[in-house]
């Protein structure tokens, strides 16, 4: 069975929920609207899968507020595994080309490093 929730991408950042409801209303009963602020996409839930399919066929690639809409069935988010690594803004990867690790002049032990040149800190294999 098809979902009745649609992903709506490439939205103008100034679009409102009321404007999206007005756009989708001719294709059926709009149950909910969620715009993800500052990301240019959102979700529209229609009453039935048939209504969602009608809206998708009619509005995909349609010009709305100067942008070509991208509409598809919404998919559940992929569950995040414990060991997937850091989320955005996290610390990961290697330090290269920097100068933060290792020794710093005759005194050694620069920020993030130690006298023996190892980076110190956390061991990645513990995560």
PDB file of N, CA and C in Angstrom:
ATOM      1  N   UNK A   1       0.844  -1.187   0.000  1.00  0.00           N
ATOM      2  CA  UNK A   1       0.000   0.000   0.000  1.00  0.00           C
ATOM      3  C   UNK A   1       0.887   1.248   0.000  1.00  0.00           C
ATOM      4  N   UNK A   2       0.538   2.204  -0.803  1.00  0.00           N
ATOM      5  CA  UNK A   2       1.309   3.433  -0.892  1.00  0.00           C
ATOM      6  C   UNK A   2       1.073   4.299   0.336  1.00  0.00           C
ATOM      7  N   UNK A   3       2.042   5.100   0.615  1.00  0.00           N
ATOM      8  CA  UNK A   3       1.928   6.056   1.709  1.00  0.00           C
ATOM      9  C   UNK A   3       1.117   7.261   1.255  1.00  0.00           C
ATOM     10  N   UNK A   4       0.547   7.962   2.202  1.00  0.00           N
ATOM     11  CA  UNK A   4      -0.181   9.185   1.868  1.00  0.00           C
ATOM     12  C   UNK A   4       0.619  10.428   2.258  1.00  0.00           C
ATOM     13  N   UNK A   5       1.864  10.222   2.702  1.00  0.00           N
ATOM     14  CA  UNK A   5       2.720  11.344   3.080  1.00  0.00           C
ATOM     15  C   UNK A   5       3.723  11.592   1.959  1.00  0.00           C
ATOM     16  N   UNK A   6       3.831  12.860   1.566  1.00  0.00           N
ATOM     17  CA  UNK A   6       4.703  13.234   0.467  1.00  0.00           C
ATOM     18  C   UNK A   6       5.853  14.110   0.938  1.00  0.00           C
ATOM     19  N   UNK A   7       7.008  13.882   0.331  1.00  0.00           N
ATOM     20  CA  UNK A   7       8.171  14.757   0.495  1.00  0.00           C
ATOM     21  C   UNK A   7       8.030  15.849  -0.556  1.00  0.00           C
ATOM     22  N   UNK A   8       8.207  17.097  -0.159  1.00  0.00           N
ATOM     23  CA  UNK A   8       8.141  18.223  -1.089  1.00  0.00           C
ATOM     24  C   UNK A   8       9.468  18.969  -0.997  1.00  0.00           C
ATOM     25  N   UNK A   9      10.265  18.868  -2.040  1.00  0.00           N
ATOM     26  CA  UNK A   9      11.592  19.462  -2.034  1.00  0.00           C
ATOM     27  C   UNK A   9      11.714  20.653  -2.959  1.00  0.00           C
ATOM     28  N   UNK A  10      12.819  21.360  -2.826  1.00  0.00           N
ATOM     29  CA  UNK A  10      13.160  22.549  -3.602  1.00  0.00           C
ATOM     30  C   UNK A  10      12.161  23.677  -3.367  1.00  0.00           C
ATOM     31  N   UNK A  11      11.724  23.797  -2.110  1.00  0.00           N
ATOM     32  CA  UNK A  11      10.790  24.862  -1.753  1.00  0.00           C
ATOM     33  C   UNK A  11      11.511  26.195  -1.609  1.00  0.00           C
ATOM     34  N   UNK A  12      10.806  27.251  -1.948  1.00  0.00           N
ATOM     35  CA  UNK A  12      11.277  28.590  -1.663  1.00  0.00           C
ATOM     36  C   UNK A  12      11.334  28.720  -0.141  1.00  0.00           C
ATOM     37  N   UNK A  13      12.373  29.304   0.405  1.00  0.00           N
ATOM     38  CA  UNK A  13      12.534  29.394   1.850  1.00  0.00           C
ATOM     39  C   UNK A  13      11.454  30.254   2.516  1.00  0.00           C
ATOM     40  N   UNK A  14      10.770  31.081   1.755  1.00  0.00           N
ATOM     41  CA  UNK A  14       9.743  31.939   2.318  1.00  0.00           C
ATOM     42  C   UNK A  14       8.352  31.307   2.298  1.00  0.00           C
ATOM     43  N   UNK A  15       8.208  30.104   1.767  1.00  0.00           N
ATOM     44  CA  UNK A  15       6.891  29.478   1.656  1.00  0.00           C
ATOM     45  C   UNK A  15       6.320  29.189   3.048  1.00  0.00           C
ATOM     46  N   UNK A  16       4.994  29.311   3.157  1.00  0.00           N
ATOM     47  CA  UNK A  16       4.321  29.051   4.433  1.00  0.00           C
ATOM     48  C   UNK A  16       3.483  27.773   4.325  1.00  0.00           C
ATOM     49  N   UNK A  17       3.092  27.252   5.486  1.00  0.00           N
ATOM     50  CA  UNK A  17       2.240  26.061   5.501  1.00  0.00           C
ATOM     51  C   UNK A  17       0.901  26.354   4.827  1.00  0.00           C
ATOM     52  N   UNK A  18       0.358  27.551   5.036  1.00  0.00           N
ATOM     53  CA  UNK A  18      -0.916  27.930   4.414  1.00  0.00           C
ATOM     54  C   UNK A  18      -0.813  27.920   2.890  1.00  0.00           C
ATOM     55  N   UNK A  19       0.321  28.382   2.357  1.00  0.00           N
ATOM     56  CA  UNK A  19       0.506  28.387   0.908  1.00  0.00           C
ATOM     57  C   UNK A  19       0.609  26.967   0.361  1.00  0.00           C
ATOM     58  N   UNK A  20       1.293  26.088   1.087  1.00  0.00           N
ATOM     59  CA  UNK A  20       1.381  24.694   0.644  1.00  0.00           C
ATOM     60  C   UNK A  20       0.015  24.023   0.706  1.00  0.00           C
ATOM     61  N   UNK A  21      -0.741  24.305   1.755  1.00  0.00           N
ATOM     62  CA  UNK A  21      -2.082  23.724   1.859  1.00  0.00           C
ATOM     63  C   UNK A  21      -2.953  24.159   0.688  1.00  0.00           C
ATOM     64  N   UNK A  22      -2.868  25.429   0.320  1.00  0.00           N
ATOM     65  CA  UNK A  22      -3.626  25.944  -0.822  1.00  0.00           C
ATOM     66  C   UNK A  22      -3.201  25.263  -2.123  1.00  0.00           C
ATOM     67  N   UNK A  23      -1.917  24.977  -2.260  1.00  0.00           N
ATOM     68  CA  UNK A  23      -1.404  24.317  -3.459  1.00  0.00           C
ATOM     69  C   UNK A  23      -1.893  22.873  -3.562  1.00  0.00           C
ATOM     70  N   UNK A  24      -1.928  22.158  -2.444  1.00  0.00           N
ATOM     71  CA  UNK A  24      -2.275  20.737  -2.457  1.00  0.00           C
ATOM     72  C   UNK A  24      -3.779  20.476  -2.318  1.00  0.00           C
ATOM     73  N   UNK A  25      -4.555  21.423  -1.817  1.00  0.00           N
ATOM     74  CA  UNK A  25      -5.983  21.228  -1.552  1.00  0.00           C
ATOM     75  C   UNK A  25      -6.799  20.759  -2.768  1.00  0.00           C
ATOM     76  N   UNK A  26      -6.527  21.214  -3.977  1.00  0.00           N
ATOM     77  CA  UNK A  26      -7.326  20.746  -5.115  1.00  0.00           C
ATOM     78  C   UNK A  26      -7.210  19.231  -5.370  1.00  0.00           C
ATOM     79  N   UNK A  27      -6.232  18.579  -4.781  1.00  0.00           N
ATOM     80  CA  UNK A  27      -6.012  17.155  -5.038  1.00  0.00           C
ATOM     81  C   UNK A  27      -6.544  16.261  -3.931  1.00  0.00           C
ATOM     82  N   UNK A  28      -7.113  16.860  -2.876  1.00  0.00           N
ATOM     83  CA  UNK A  28      -7.698  16.062  -1.816  1.00  0.00           C
ATOM     84  C   UNK A  28      -7.600  16.743  -0.468  1.00  0.00           C
ATOM     85  N   UNK A  29      -7.907  15.968   0.560  1.00  0.00           N
ATOM     86  CA  UNK A  29      -7.917  16.459   1.933  1.00  0.00           C
ATOM     87  C   UNK A  29      -6.489  16.475   2.487  1.00  0.00           C
ATOM     88  N   UNK A  30      -5.988  17.677   2.768  1.00  0.00           N
ATOM     89  CA  UNK A  30      -4.643  17.823   3.322  1.00  0.00           C
ATOM     90  C   UNK A  30      -4.745  17.624   4.838  1.00  0.00           C
ATOM     91  N   UNK A  31      -4.091  16.569   5.355  1.00  0.00           N
ATOM     92  CA  UNK A  31      -4.179  16.245   6.778  1.00  0.00           C
ATOM     93  C   UNK A  31      -3.148  16.997   7.618  1.00  0.00           C
ATOM     94  N   UNK A  32      -1.935  17.127   7.107  1.00  0.00           N
ATOM     95  CA  UNK A  32      -0.902  17.846   7.857  1.00  0.00           C
ATOM     96  C   UNK A  32       0.169  18.359   6.911  1.00  0.00           C
ATOM     97  N   UNK A  33       0.847  19.402   7.378  1.00  0.00           N
ATOM     98  CA  UNK A  33       1.958  19.997   6.629  1.00  0.00           C
ATOM     99  C   UNK A  33       3.068  20.296   7.618  1.00  0.00           C
ATOM    100  N   UNK A  34       4.290  19.952   7.247  1.00  0.00           N
ATOM    101  CA  UNK A  34       5.464  20.245   8.079  1.00  0.00           C
ATOM    102  C   UNK A  34       6.552  20.766   7.158  1.00  0.00           C
ATOM    103  N   UNK A  35       6.939  22.023   7.364  1.00  0.00           N
ATOM    104  CA  UNK A  35       8.048  22.613   6.608  1.00  0.00           C
ATOM    105  C   UNK A  35       9.268  22.595   7.515  1.00  0.00           C
ATOM    106  N   UNK A  36      10.375  22.094   6.993  1.00  0.00           N
ATOM    107  CA  UNK A  36      11.622  22.081   7.744  1.00  0.00           C
ATOM    108  C   UNK A  36      12.304  23.420   7.483  1.00  0.00           C
ATOM    109  N   UNK A  37      12.290  24.279   8.499  1.00  0.00           N
ATOM    110  CA  UNK A  37      12.796  25.650   8.366  1.00  0.00           C
ATOM    111  C   UNK A  37      14.250  25.697   7.930  1.00  0.00           C
ATOM    112  N   UNK A  38      14.529  26.564   6.987  1.00  0.00           N
ATOM    113  CA  UNK A  38      15.898  26.790   6.556  1.00  0.00           C
ATOM    114  C   UNK A  38      16.507  25.657   5.748  1.00  0.00           C
ATOM    115  N   UNK A  39      15.696  24.669   5.356  1.00  0.00           N
ATOM    116  CA  UNK A  39      16.234  23.527   4.608  1.00  0.00           C
ATOM    117  C   UNK A  39      15.658  23.414   3.203  1.00  0.00           C
ATOM    118  N   UNK A  40      14.558  24.100   2.917  1.00  0.00           N
ATOM    119  CA  UNK A  40      13.996  24.077   1.569  1.00  0.00           C
ATOM    120  C   UNK A  40      13.202  22.827   1.241  1.00  0.00           C
ATOM    121  N   UNK A  41      12.702  22.129   2.255  1.00  0.00           N
ATOM    122  CA  UNK A  41      11.834  20.991   1.986  1.00  0.00           C
ATOM    123  C   UNK A  41      10.830  20.836   3.115  1.00  0.00           C
ATOM    124  N   UNK A  42       9.846  19.977   2.867  1.00  0.00           N
ATOM    125  CA  UNK A  42       8.820  19.735   3.865  1.00  0.00           C
ATOM    126  C   UNK A  42       8.045  18.480   3.530  1.00  0.00           C
ATOM    127  N   UNK A  43       6.964  18.259   4.272  1.00  0.00           N
ATOM    128  CA  UNK A  43       6.149  17.066   4.098  1.00  0.00           C
ATOM    129  C   UNK A  43       4.684  17.458   4.106  1.00  0.00           C
ATOM    130  N   UNK A  44       3.919  16.826   3.228  1.00  0.00           N
ATOM    131  CA  UNK A  44       2.481  17.038   3.158  1.00  0.00           C
ATOM    132  C   UNK A  44       1.821  15.669   3.259  1.00  0.00           C
ATOM    133  N   UNK A  45       0.881  15.546   4.196  1.00  0.00           N
ATOM    134  CA  UNK A  45       0.158  14.289   4.346  1.00  0.00           C
ATOM    135  C   UNK A  45      -1.256  14.474   3.822  1.00  0.00           C
ATOM    136  N   UNK A  46      -1.621  13.616   2.884  1.00  0.00           N
ATOM    137  CA  UNK A  46      -2.958  13.641   2.298  1.00  0.00           C
ATOM    138  C   UNK A  46      -3.803  12.554   2.979  1.00  0.00           C
ATOM    139  N   UNK A  47      -5.144  12.650   2.836  1.00  0.00           N
ATOM    140  CA  UNK A  47      -6.049  11.725   3.506  1.00  0.00           C
ATOM    141  C   UNK A  47      -5.920  10.291   2.987  1.00  0.00           C
ATOM    142  N   UNK A  48      -5.682  10.133   1.694  1.00  0.00           N
ATOM    143  CA  UNK A  48      -5.598   8.778   1.120  1.00  0.00           C
ATOM    144  C   UNK A  48      -4.373   8.669   0.217  1.00  0.00           C
ATOM    145  N   UNK A  49      -3.916   7.453   0.001  1.00  0.00           N
ATOM    146  CA  UNK A  49      -2.802   7.263  -0.937  1.00  0.00           C
ATOM    147  C   UNK A  49      -3.155   7.701  -2.358  1.00  0.00           C
ATOM    148  N   UNK A  50      -4.397   7.554  -2.749  1.00  0.00           N
ATOM    149  CA  UNK A  50      -4.818   7.972  -4.093  1.00  0.00           C
ATOM    150  C   UNK A  50      -4.702   9.487  -4.254  1.00  0.00           C
ATOM    151  N   UNK A  51      -5.114  10.225  -3.236  1.00  0.00           N
ATOM    152  CA  UNK A  51      -4.993  11.684  -3.293  1.00  0.00           C
ATOM    153  C   UNK A  51      -3.527  12.103  -3.335  1.00  0.00           C
ATOM    154  N   UNK A  52      -2.710  11.430  -2.555  1.00  0.00           N
ATOM    155  CA  UNK A  52      -1.272  11.737  -2.556  1.00  0.00           C
ATOM    156  C   UNK A  52      -0.678  11.482  -3.934  1.00  0.00           C
ATOM    157  N   UNK A  53      -1.075  10.393  -4.571  1.00  0.00           N
ATOM    158  CA  UNK A  53      -0.560  10.066  -5.902  1.00  0.00           C
ATOM    159  C   UNK A  53      -1.004  11.114  -6.925  1.00  0.00           C
ATOM    160  N   UNK A  54      -2.260  11.555  -6.838  1.00  0.00           N
ATOM    161  CA  UNK A  54      -2.747  12.606  -7.741  1.00  0.00           C
ATOM    162  C   UNK A  54      -1.933  13.889  -7.580  1.00  0.00           C
ATOM    163  N   UNK A  55      -1.702  14.292  -6.337  1.00  0.00           N
ATOM    164  CA  UNK A  55      -0.937  15.510  -6.076  1.00  0.00           C
ATOM    165  C   UNK A  55       0.492  15.362  -6.590  1.00  0.00           C
ATOM    166  N   UNK A  56       1.077  14.206  -6.361  1.00  0.00           N
ATOM    167  CA  UNK A  56       2.454  13.957  -6.815  1.00  0.00           C
ATOM    168  C   UNK A  56       2.546  14.070  -8.336  1.00  0.00           C
ATOM    169  N   UNK A  57       1.629  13.430  -9.041  1.00  0.00           N
ATOM    170  CA  UNK A  57       1.659  13.463 -10.505  1.00  0.00           C
ATOM    171  C   UNK A  57       1.440  14.874 -11.038  1.00  0.00           C
ATOM    172  N   UNK A  58       0.562  15.623 -10.397  1.00  0.00           N
ATOM    173  CA  UNK A  58       0.236  16.969 -10.889  1.00  0.00           C
ATOM    174  C   UNK A  58       1.302  18.008 -10.541  1.00  0.00           C
ATOM    175  N   UNK A  59       1.934  17.861  -9.368  1.00  0.00           N
ATOM    176  CA  UNK A  59       2.804  18.937  -8.883  1.00  0.00           C
ATOM    177  C   UNK A  59       4.303  18.662  -8.988  1.00  0.00           C
ATOM    178  N   UNK A  60       4.710  17.423  -9.246  1.00  0.00           N
ATOM    179  CA  UNK A  60       6.140  17.149  -9.369  1.00  0.00           C
ATOM    180  C   UNK A  60       6.705  17.932 -10.552  1.00  0.00           C
ATOM    181  N   UNK A  61       7.743  18.684 -10.307  1.00  0.00           N
ATOM    182  CA  UNK A  61       8.429  19.547 -11.278  1.00  0.00           C
ATOM    183  C   UNK A  61       7.599  20.768 -11.682  1.00  0.00           C
ATOM    184  N   UNK A  62       6.491  21.023 -10.971  1.00  0.00           N
ATOM    185  CA  UNK A  62       5.697  22.233 -11.240  1.00  0.00           C
ATOM    186  C   UNK A  62       6.428  23.442 -10.668  1.00  0.00           C
ATOM    187  N   UNK A  63       6.287  24.569 -11.318  1.00  0.00           N
ATOM    188  CA  UNK A  63       6.903  25.809 -10.863  1.00  0.00           C
ATOM    189  C   UNK A  63       6.029  26.423  -9.765  1.00  0.00           C
ATOM    190  N   UNK A  64       6.627  26.665  -8.604  1.00  0.00           N
ATOM    191  CA  UNK A  64       5.902  27.254  -7.472  1.00  0.00           C
ATOM    192  C   UNK A  64       6.814  28.253  -6.790  1.00  0.00           C
ATOM    193  N   UNK A  65       6.407  29.500  -6.770  1.00  0.00           N
ATOM    194  CA  UNK A  65       7.189  30.594  -6.202  1.00  0.00           C
ATOM    195  C   UNK A  65       8.613  30.635  -6.764  1.00  0.00           C
ATOM    196  N   UNK A  66       8.703  30.446  -8.074  1.00  0.00           N
ATOM    197  CA  UNK A  66       9.988  30.552  -8.754  1.00  0.00           C
ATOM    198  C   UNK A  66      10.886  29.337  -8.647  1.00  0.00           C
ATOM    199  N   UNK A  67      10.395  28.234  -8.076  1.00  0.00           N
ATOM    200  CA  UNK A  67      11.210  27.027  -7.914  1.00  0.00           C
ATOM    201  C   UNK A  67      10.474  25.829  -8.506  1.00  0.00           C
ATOM    202  N   UNK A  68      11.221  24.906  -9.093  1.00  0.00           N
ATOM    203  CA  UNK A  68      10.656  23.676  -9.637  1.00  0.00           C
ATOM    204  C   UNK A  68      10.567  22.635  -8.512  1.00  0.00           C
ATOM    205  N   UNK A  69       9.350  22.294  -8.098  1.00  0.00           N
ATOM    206  CA  UNK A  69       9.148  21.386  -6.971  1.00  0.00           C
ATOM    207  C   UNK A  69       9.600  19.965  -7.286  1.00  0.00           C
ATOM    208  N   UNK A  70      10.102  19.293  -6.286  1.00  0.00           N
ATOM    209  CA  UNK A  70      10.456  17.875  -6.366  1.00  0.00           C
ATOM    210  C   UNK A  70       9.569  17.154  -5.366  1.00  0.00           C
ATOM    211  N   UNK A  71       8.658  16.332  -5.854  1.00  0.00           N
ATOM    212  CA  UNK A  71       7.699  15.663  -4.976  1.00  0.00           C
ATOM    213  C   UNK A  71       7.838  14.155  -5.140  1.00  0.00           C
ATOM    214  N   UNK A  72       7.897  13.474  -3.994  1.00  0.00           N
ATOM    215  CA  UNK A  72       8.021  12.024  -3.982  1.00  0.00           C
ATOM    216  C   UNK A  72       7.358  11.489  -2.722  1.00  0.00           C
ATOM    217  N   UNK A  73       7.175  10.185  -2.664  1.00  0.00           N
ATOM    218  CA  UNK A  73       6.642   9.580  -1.449  1.00  0.00           C
ATOM    219  C   UNK A  73       7.668   9.756  -0.341  1.00  0.00           C
ATOM    220  N   UNK A  74       7.178  10.113   0.843  1.00  0.00           N
ATOM    221  CA  UNK A  74       8.074  10.267   1.987  1.00  0.00           C
ATOM    222  C   UNK A  74       8.497   8.878   2.446  1.00  0.00           C
ATOM    223  N   UNK A  75       9.749   8.759   2.837  1.00  0.00           N
ATOM    224  CA  UNK A  75      10.273   7.490   3.351  1.00  0.00           C
ATOM    225  C   UNK A  75      10.638   7.680   4.807  1.00  0.00           C
ATOM    226  N   UNK A  76      10.479   6.622   5.572  1.00  0.00           N
ATOM    227  CA  UNK A  76      10.861   6.676   6.983  1.00  0.00           C
ATOM    228  C   UNK A  76      12.365   6.898   7.069  1.00  0.00           C
ATOM    229  N   UNK A  77      12.823   7.666   8.048  1.00  0.00           N
ATOM    230  CA  UNK A  77      14.263   7.885   8.177  1.00  0.00           C
ATOM    231  C   UNK A  77      14.988   6.580   8.494  1.00  0.00           C
ATOM    232  N   UNK A  78      16.177   6.471   7.960  1.00  0.00           N
ATOM    233  CA  UNK A  78      16.999   5.285   8.208  1.00  0.00           C
ATOM    234  C   UNK A  78      17.412   5.287   9.674  1.00  0.00           C
ATOM    235  N   UNK A  79      17.212   4.159  10.361  1.00  0.00           N
ATOM    236  CA  UNK A  79      17.634   4.129  11.772  1.00  0.00           C
ATOM    237  C   UNK A  79      19.144   4.299  11.878  1.00  0.00           C
ATOM    238  N   UNK A  80      19.570   5.079  12.828  1.00  0.00           N
ATOM    239  CA  UNK A  80      20.988   5.360  13.010  1.00  0.00           C
ATOM    240  C   UNK A  80      21.605   4.257  13.850  1.00  0.00           C
ATOM    241  N   UNK A  81      22.640   3.663  13.334  1.00  0.00           N
ATOM    242  CA  UNK A  81      23.366   2.625  14.055  1.00  0.00           C
ATOM    243  C   UNK A  81      24.282   3.274  15.084  1.00  0.00           C
ATOM    244  N   UNK A  82      24.565   2.578  16.151  1.00  0.00           N
ATOM    245  CA  UNK A  82      25.413   3.092  17.216  1.00  0.00           C
ATOM    246  C   UNK A  82      26.785   3.500  16.703  1.00  0.00           C
ATOM    247  N   UNK A  83      27.348   2.738  15.785  1.00  0.00           N
ATOM    248  CA  UNK A  83      28.719   2.963  15.343  1.00  0.00           C
ATOM    249  C   UNK A  83      28.789   3.632  13.976  1.00  0.00           C
ATOM    250  N   UNK A  84      27.794   4.460  13.624  1.00  0.00           N
ATOM    251  CA  UNK A  84      27.801   5.143  12.328  1.00  0.00           C
ATOM    252  C   UNK A  84      28.795   6.291  12.268  1.00  0.00           C
ATOM    253  N   UNK A  85      29.372   6.679  13.392  1.00  0.00           N
ATOM    254  CA  UNK A  85      30.311   7.797  13.403  1.00  0.00           C
ATOM    255  C   UNK A  85      29.617   9.054  13.863  1.00  0.00           C
ATOM    256  N   UNK A  86      30.334  10.131  13.922  1.00  0.00           N
ATOM    257  CA  UNK A  86      29.774  11.371  14.456  1.00  0.00           C
ATOM    258  C   UNK A  86      28.755  11.985  13.509  1.00  0.00           C
ATOM    259  N   UNK A  87      27.813  12.706  14.065  1.00  0.00           N
ATOM    260  CA  UNK A  87      26.864  13.474  13.262  1.00  0.00           C
ATOM    261  C   UNK A  87      27.565  14.740  12.796  1.00  0.00           C
ATOM    262  N   UNK A  88      26.894  15.521  12.004  1.00  0.00           N
ATOM    263  CA  UNK A  88      27.528  16.740  11.508  1.00  0.00           C
ATOM    264  C   UNK A  88      27.957  17.609  12.677  1.00  0.00           C
ATOM    265  N   UNK A  89      29.090  18.205  12.534  1.00  0.00           N
ATOM    266  CA  UNK A  89      29.635  19.030  13.592  1.00  0.00           C
ATOM    267  C   UNK A  89      30.449  18.235  14.587  1.00  0.00           C
ATOM    268  N   UNK A  90      30.462  16.923  14.426  1.00  0.00           N
ATOM    269  CA  UNK A  90      31.219  16.071  15.345  1.00  0.00           C
ATOM    270  C   UNK A  90      32.683  16.056  14.996  1.00  0.00           C
ATOM    271  N   UNK A  91      33.448  15.383  15.829  1.00  0.00           N
ATOM    272  CA  UNK A  91      34.878  15.284  15.571  1.00  0.00           C
ATOM    273  C   UNK A  91      35.164  13.888  15.053  1.00  0.00           C
ATOM    274  N   UNK A  92      35.817  13.814  13.949  1.00  0.00           N
ATOM    275  CA  UNK A  92      36.152  12.522  13.376  1.00  0.00           C
ATOM    276  C   UNK A  92      37.205  12.694  12.315  1.00  0.00           C
ATOM    277  N   UNK A  93      37.631  11.607  11.756  1.00  0.00           N
ATOM    278  CA  UNK A  93      38.635  11.673  10.707  1.00  0.00           C
ATOM    279  C   UNK A  93      40.023  11.870  11.277  1.00  0.00           C
ATOM    280  N   UNK A  94      40.959  12.074  10.402  1.00  0.00           N
ATOM    281  CA  UNK A  94      42.341  12.223  10.847  1.00  0.00           C
ATOM    282  C   UNK A  94      42.757  13.676  10.738  1.00  0.00           C
ATOM    283  N   UNK A  95      43.763  14.008  11.466  1.00  0.00           N
ATOM    284  CA  UNK A  95      44.329  15.363  11.367  1.00  0.00           C
ATOM    285  C   UNK A  95      45.569  15.293  10.502  1.00  0.00           C
ATOM    286  N   UNK A  96      45.536  15.985   9.406  1.00  0.00           N
ATOM    287  CA  UNK A  96      46.720  16.000   8.558  1.00  0.00           C
ATOM    288  C   UNK A  96      46.919  17.394   8.017  1.00  0.00           C
ATOM    289  N   UNK A  97      48.139  17.747   7.818  1.00  0.00           N
ATOM    290  CA  UNK A  97      48.457  19.049   7.255  1.00  0.00           C
ATOM    291  C   UNK A  97      48.278  20.175   8.254  1.00  0.00           C
ATOM    292  N   UNK A  98      47.877  19.863   9.446  1.00  0.00           N
ATOM    293  CA  UNK A  98      47.607  20.874  10.451  1.00  0.00           C
ATOM    294  C   UNK A  98      48.864  21.305  11.161  1.00  0.00           C
ATOM    295  N   UNK A  99      49.197  20.811  12.174  1.00  0.00           N
ATOM    296  CA  UNK A  99      50.295  21.275  12.992  1.00  0.00           C
ATOM    297  C   UNK A  99      49.839  21.284  14.432  1.00  0.00           C
ATOM    298  N   UNK A 100      48.635  20.833  14.645  1.00  0.00           N
ATOM    299  CA  UNK A 100      48.123  20.774  16.001  1.00  0.00           C
ATOM    300  C   UNK A 100      48.695  19.595  16.763  1.00  0.00           C
ATOM    301  N   UNK A 101      48.888  18.471  16.104  1.00  0.00           N
ATOM    302  CA  UNK A 101      49.388  17.317  16.836  1.00  0.00           C
ATOM    303  C   UNK A 101      50.902  17.233  16.666  1.00  0.00           C
ATOM    304  N   UNK A 102      51.514  16.507  17.550  1.00  0.00           N
ATOM    305  CA  UNK A 102      52.969  16.378  17.482  1.00  0.00           C
ATOM    306  C   UNK A 102      53.639  17.419  18.330  1.00  0.00           C
ATOM    307  N   UNK A 103      54.920  17.563  18.123  1.00  0.00           N
ATOM    308  CA  UNK A 103      55.665  18.496  18.974  1.00  0.00           C
ATOM    309  C   UNK A 103      55.628  19.894  18.393  1.00  0.00           C
ATOM    310  N   UNK A 104      55.840  20.857  19.264  1.00  0.00           N
ATOM    311  CA  UNK A 104      55.830  22.251  18.853  1.00  0.00           C
ATOM    312  C   UNK A 104      57.120  22.880  19.390  1.00  0.00           C
ATOM    313  N   UNK A 105      58.105  22.941  18.543  1.00  0.00           N
ATOM    314  CA  UNK A 105      59.368  23.547  18.944  1.00  0.00           C
ATOM    315  C   UNK A 105      60.112  22.693  19.969  1.00  0.00           C
ATOM    316  N   UNK A 106      61.071  23.277  20.660  1.00  0.00           N
ATOM    317  CA  UNK A 106      61.896  22.503  21.589  1.00  0.00           C
ATOM    318  C   UNK A 106      61.135  22.037  22.824  1.00  0.00           C
ATOM    319  N   UNK A 107      59.996  22.647  23.125  1.00  0.00           N
ATOM    320  CA  UNK A 107      59.261  22.263  24.323  1.00  0.00           C
ATOM    321  C   UNK A 107      58.361  21.062  24.081  1.00  0.00           C
ATOM    322  N   UNK A 108      57.923  20.842  22.832  1.00  0.00           N
ATOM    323  CA  UNK A 108      57.070  19.684  22.516  1.00  0.00           C
ATOM    324  C   UNK A 108      55.704  19.811  23.150  1.00  0.00           C
ATOM    325  N   UNK A 109      54.898  18.780  22.951  1.00  0.00           N
ATOM    326  CA  UNK A 109      53.595  18.719  23.597  1.00  0.00           C
ATOM    327  C   UNK A 109      52.634  19.807  23.173  1.00  0.00           C
ATOM    328  N   UNK A 110      52.583  20.113  21.881  1.00  0.00           N
ATOM    329  CA  UNK A 110      51.648  21.119  21.391  1.00  0.00           C
ATOM    330  C   UNK A 110      50.208  20.696  21.634  1.00  0.00           C
ATOM    331  N   UNK A 111      49.290  21.574  21.375  1.00  0.00           N
ATOM    332  CA  UNK A 111      47.875  21.315  21.609  1.00  0.00           C
ATOM    333  C   UNK A 111      47.427  20.041  20.905  1.00  0.00           C
ATOM    334  N   UNK A 112      46.821  19.149  21.645  1.00  0.00           N
ATOM    335  CA  UNK A 112      46.318  17.914  21.064  1.00  0.00           C
ATOM    336  C   UNK A 112      47.391  16.876  20.857  1.00  0.00           C
ATOM    337  N   UNK A 113      48.607  17.130  21.259  1.00  0.00           N
ATOM    338  CA  UNK A 113      49.667  16.161  21.019  1.00  0.00           C
ATOM    339  C   UNK A 113      50.447  15.879  22.281  1.00  0.00           C
ATOM    340  N   UNK A 114      51.498  15.141  22.134  1.00  0.00           N
ATOM    341  CA  UNK A 114      52.365  14.836  23.264  1.00  0.00           C
ATOM    342  C   UNK A 114      53.807  14.858  22.783  1.00  0.00           C
ATOM    343  N   UNK A 115      54.737  14.746  23.714  1.00  0.00           N
ATOM    344  CA  UNK A 115      56.161  14.821  23.351  1.00  0.00           C
ATOM    345  C   UNK A 115      56.583  13.727  22.375  1.00  0.00           C
ATOM    346  N   UNK A 116      55.924  12.582  22.455  1.00  0.00           N
ATOM    347  CA  UNK A 116      56.334  11.503  21.558  1.00  0.00           C
ATOM    348  C   UNK A 116      55.710  11.616  20.166  1.00  0.00           C
ATOM    349  N   UNK A 117      54.884  12.669  19.917  1.00  0.00           N
ATOM    350  CA  UNK A 117      54.326  12.883  18.576  1.00  0.00           C
ATOM    351  C   UNK A 117      52.981  12.214  18.371  1.00  0.00           C
ATOM    352  N   UNK A 118      52.494  11.427  19.334  1.00  0.00           N
ATOM    353  CA  UNK A 118      51.177  10.818  19.160  1.00  0.00           C
ATOM    354  C   UNK A 118      50.112  11.881  19.361  1.00  0.00           C
ATOM    355  N   UNK A 119      48.943  11.640  18.818  1.00  0.00           N
ATOM    356  CA  UNK A 119      47.902  12.656  18.872  1.00  0.00           C
ATOM    357  C   UNK A 119      47.195  12.689  20.211  1.00  0.00           C
ATOM    358  N   UNK A 120      47.295  11.650  21.009  1.00  0.00           N
ATOM    359  CA  UNK A 120      46.611  11.632  22.299  1.00  0.00           C
ATOM    360  C   UNK A 120      45.112  11.609  22.097  1.00  0.00           C
ATOM    361  N   UNK A 121      44.356  11.913  23.088  1.00  0.00           N
ATOM    362  CA  UNK A 121      42.907  11.997  22.949  1.00  0.00           C
ATOM    363  C   UNK A 121      42.238  10.638  22.931  1.00  0.00           C
ATOM    364  N   UNK A 122      41.107  10.553  22.255  1.00  0.00           N
ATOM    365  CA  UNK A 122      40.305   9.343  22.244  1.00  0.00           C
ATOM    366  C   UNK A 122      40.780   8.352  21.200  1.00  0.00           C
ATOM    367  N   UNK A 123      40.571   7.093  21.505  1.00  0.00           N
ATOM    368  CA  UNK A 123      40.860   6.049  20.522  1.00  0.00           C
ATOM    369  C   UNK A 123      39.581   5.753  19.782  1.00  0.00           C
ATOM    370  N   UNK A 124      39.625   5.856  18.473  1.00  0.00           N
ATOM    371  CA  UNK A 124      38.429   5.675  17.649  1.00  0.00           C
ATOM    372  C   UNK A 124      37.830   4.267  17.766  1.00  0.00           C
ATOM    373  N   UNK A 125      38.655   3.270  18.032  1.00  0.00           N
ATOM    374  CA  UNK A 125      38.108   1.907  18.055  1.00  0.00           C
ATOM    375  C   UNK A 125      37.254   1.649  19.287  1.00  0.00           C
ATOM    376  N   UNK A 126      37.143   2.599  20.192  1.00  0.00           N
ATOM    377  CA  UNK A 126      36.269   2.441  21.359  1.00  0.00           C
ATOM    378  C   UNK A 126      34.846   2.876  21.049  1.00  0.00           C
ATOM    379  N   UNK A 127      34.605   3.440  19.880  1.00  0.00           N
ATOM    380  CA  UNK A 127      33.267   3.942  19.554  1.00  0.00           C
ATOM    381  C   UNK A 127      32.543   2.985  18.690  1.00  0.00           C
TER     382      UNK A 127
END
